[in-house]
Protein backbone atom coordinates (compact mmCIF):
# COMPACT_ATOMS: atom_id res chain seq x y z
CA MET A 1 -68.40 -129.98 -160.57
CA ARG A 2 -71.89 -129.12 -161.40
CA LYS A 3 -71.36 -126.17 -159.45
CA VAL A 4 -68.57 -124.73 -161.12
CA ILE A 5 -70.38 -125.63 -164.60
CA ARG A 6 -73.42 -123.67 -163.37
CA LEU A 7 -71.28 -120.71 -162.29
CA ILE A 8 -69.62 -120.23 -165.63
CA ASP A 9 -72.64 -121.09 -167.69
CA GLU A 10 -74.97 -118.53 -165.93
CA ASP A 11 -72.27 -115.80 -166.59
CA ASP A 12 -73.06 -113.62 -163.84
CA TYR A 13 -69.49 -113.02 -163.02
CA GLY A 14 -67.76 -113.28 -166.31
CA ILE A 15 -65.89 -116.45 -165.37
CA ILE A 16 -64.49 -118.17 -168.40
CA GLU A 17 -62.45 -121.15 -166.91
CA GLY A 18 -63.07 -123.18 -164.00
CA PHE A 19 -61.37 -126.12 -162.60
CA VAL A 20 -61.85 -129.00 -159.84
CA TYR A 21 -59.24 -131.13 -158.11
CA ASP A 22 -60.32 -134.73 -157.01
CA TYR A 23 -57.95 -135.41 -154.06
CA ILE A 24 -59.48 -139.24 -153.74
CA ALA A 25 -58.60 -140.04 -157.61
CA LYS A 26 -55.77 -137.34 -157.92
CA LYS A 27 -57.16 -136.09 -161.25
CA TRP A 28 -57.87 -132.48 -162.28
CA PHE A 29 -60.83 -131.61 -164.50
CA ARG A 30 -61.51 -128.29 -166.44
CA TYR A 31 -64.38 -126.91 -167.64
CA ARG A 32 -64.34 -123.83 -170.25
CA LYS A 33 -67.60 -121.73 -171.47
CA GLY A 34 -69.32 -123.19 -174.09
CA ASP A 35 -67.69 -126.73 -173.74
CA GLY A 36 -71.47 -127.92 -173.32
CA ALA A 37 -70.95 -129.03 -169.68
CA LEU A 38 -68.44 -131.61 -170.95
CA PRO A 39 -65.61 -130.98 -168.45
CA ILE A 40 -62.04 -132.84 -169.34
CA GLU A 41 -59.31 -134.26 -167.65
CA SER A 42 -56.80 -131.52 -167.63
CA SER A 43 -54.62 -129.20 -165.07
CA TYR A 44 -53.82 -126.86 -167.55
CA SER A 45 -55.22 -123.14 -167.99
CA ASP A 46 -54.99 -121.96 -171.61
CA LEU A 47 -55.94 -118.49 -169.90
CA LEU A 48 -52.95 -118.47 -167.59
CA THR A 49 -50.89 -120.51 -169.79
CA ILE A 50 -49.98 -122.60 -166.87
CA ASP A 51 -50.22 -126.12 -165.21
CA LEU A 52 -52.16 -126.02 -162.04
CA ASN A 53 -50.89 -129.19 -160.98
CA GLN A 54 -47.45 -127.85 -160.05
CA PHE A 55 -48.92 -125.79 -157.16
CA LEU A 56 -50.10 -129.32 -155.38
């Protein structure tokens, strides 16, 4: 998750939203640019307007 947060916050690639899935805990985590390094437990993408969990 730290790598995703750093990638988004450094703004080198213009990434706005990133997701990590923990296969052991079976949980999704979403981080959006400007969230203050606090990911939330969610698999829904506001940018794509889809739930990524449906792809597992």
